[in-house]
Amino acid sequence: MGKTTERVLFVCTGNVDRSPTAEALLKDKKGFEVLSAGTYIHARRRVSERLIDWADVIFVMEEHHKEAILDLRPEAENKTIVLFIPDIYRRNSPELIETLKTKLTKHLNINW
């Protein structure tokens, strides 16, 4: 039997605005297990080797987030995708939600 869920990790800096918004978008979608984390030392949930290993795919908001992931787990290179979403959005803002949907549709088989 094939795998039925994809484990998705979203990473931003503080785990306050961008990654929690992305997590909330996918949280109730069938076929996904979703978590979010931040790279900052004082992030709400800090990214860790355990979270990186748990994820099938990791979406990071900016290039420096990918660098932080690869510092912890260089072998995560092939499952880490940069979305290029700058830190200019507030949590759950309509602009952030639309940007996330547009960018994630290119990488995930999902209907919004």
Protein backbone atom coordinates (compact mmCIF):
# COMPACT_ATOMS: atom_id res chain seq x y z
CA MET A 1 0.00 0.00 0.00
CA GLY A 2 1.34 3.43 -0.95
CA LYS A 3 1.95 6.32 1.36
CA THR A 4 -1.27 8.26 1.91
CA THR A 5 0.02 11.44 3.51
CA GLU A 6 2.81 13.83 2.69
CA ARG A 7 4.62 15.42 5.61
CA VAL A 8 5.15 19.10 4.90
CA LEU A 9 7.28 21.46 6.97
CA PHE A 10 7.09 25.24 6.47
CA VAL A 11 10.00 27.36 7.71
CA CYS A 12 10.39 31.11 8.13
CA THR A 13 12.38 33.18 10.60
CA GLY A 14 10.31 33.55 13.76
CA ASN A 15 7.49 31.08 13.08
CA VAL A 16 5.08 33.96 13.70
CA ASP A 17 3.62 35.11 10.37
CA ARG A 18 4.57 33.29 7.17
CA SER A 19 5.10 29.66 8.16
CA PRO A 20 2.10 29.46 10.56
CA THR A 21 -0.10 30.92 7.82
CA ALA A 22 1.15 28.26 5.41
CA GLU A 23 0.65 25.55 8.04
CA ALA A 24 -2.95 26.68 8.61
CA LEU A 25 -3.65 26.59 4.85
CA LEU A 26 -2.72 22.90 4.57
CA LYS A 27 -3.63 21.72 8.07
CA ASP A 28 -7.10 20.43 7.20
CA LYS A 29 -6.32 19.28 3.67
CA LYS A 30 -6.59 15.55 3.10
CA GLY A 31 -3.29 13.86 2.35
CA PHE A 32 -1.06 16.24 4.30
CA GLU A 33 0.52 16.30 7.73
CA VAL A 34 1.81 19.80 8.34
CA LEU A 35 4.08 21.59 10.80
CA SER A 36 5.87 24.92 10.82
CA ALA A 37 9.02 26.21 12.45
CA GLY A 38 11.44 29.12 12.45
CA THR A 39 15.19 29.48 12.14
CA TYR A 40 15.55 32.24 14.74
CA ILE A 41 16.82 31.21 18.17
CA HIS A 42 13.67 32.63 19.76
CA ALA A 43 11.25 31.22 17.17
CA ARG A 44 7.87 30.02 18.43
CA ARG A 45 8.90 26.51 17.31
CA ARG A 46 12.53 26.25 16.30
CA VAL A 47 13.55 24.09 13.36
CA SER A 48 15.46 20.98 14.41
CA GLU A 49 17.06 17.88 12.97
CA ARG A 50 14.02 15.92 14.16
CA LEU A 51 11.60 18.16 12.22
CA ILE A 52 13.81 18.07 9.12
CA ASP A 53 13.97 14.27 9.27
CA TRP A 54 10.20 14.05 9.81
CA ALA A 55 9.37 16.07 6.68
CA ASP A 56 8.96 14.67 3.18
CA VAL A 57 9.18 18.19 1.78
CA ILE A 58 10.32 21.44 3.36
CA PHE A 59 9.13 24.79 2.08
CA VAL A 60 11.23 27.73 3.22
CA MET A 61 10.30 31.35 2.67
CA GLU A 62 13.76 32.70 1.80
CA GLU A 63 17.17 31.42 0.72
CA HIS A 64 18.74 32.01 4.16
CA HIS A 65 16.16 29.64 5.67
CA LYS A 66 17.34 26.91 3.31
CA GLU A 67 20.93 27.58 4.37
CA ALA A 68 19.89 27.14 8.03
CA ILE A 69 18.21 23.81 7.19
CA LEU A 70 21.26 22.57 5.30
CA ASP A 71 23.55 23.61 8.16
CA LEU A 72 21.62 21.16 10.33
CA ARG A 73 21.04 18.47 7.69
CA PRO A 74 23.00 18.79 4.42
CA GLU A 75 21.18 15.73 3.07
CA ALA A 76 17.89 17.69 3.10
CA GLU A 77 18.97 19.61 -0.03
CA ASN A 78 16.70 17.67 -2.40
CA LYS A 79 13.58 18.08 -0.31
CA THR A 80 13.95 21.78 0.51
CA ILE A 81 12.19 24.30 -1.74
CA VAL A 82 12.57 28.08 -1.50
CA LEU A 83 9.27 29.94 -2.07
CA PHE A 84 10.88 33.42 -2.19
CA ILE A 85 8.27 35.07 0.03
CA PRO A 86 9.80 38.10 1.78
CA ASP A 87 9.11 39.04 5.38
CA ILE A 88 6.62 41.78 4.54
CA TYR A 89 3.34 40.04 5.38
CA ARG A 90 1.31 39.76 8.56
CA ARG A 91 -0.06 36.41 9.68
CA ASN A 92 -3.14 35.32 7.73
CA SER A 93 -3.16 38.44 5.56
CA PRO A 94 -5.12 37.95 2.31
CA GLU A 95 -2.02 38.86 0.26
CA LEU A 96 0.10 36.25 2.03
CA ILE A 97 -2.58 33.58 1.64
CA GLU A 98 -2.91 34.24 -2.10
CA THR A 99 0.87 34.28 -2.57
CA LEU A 100 1.22 30.98 -0.72
CA LYS A 101 -1.58 29.33 -2.70
CA THR A 102 -0.06 30.44 -6.01
CA LYS A 103 3.42 29.24 -5.13
CA LEU A 104 2.40 25.98 -3.44
CA THR A 105 0.17 24.96 -6.36
CA LYS A 106 3.35 24.68 -8.46
CA HIS A 107 4.76 22.05 -6.07
CA LEU A 108 1.82 20.21 -4.50
CA ASN A 109 -1.12 18.35 -5.94
CA ILE A 110 -3.79 20.41 -4.16
CA ASN A 111 -7.15 21.97 -4.77
CA TRP A 112 -7.87 25.10 -2.75
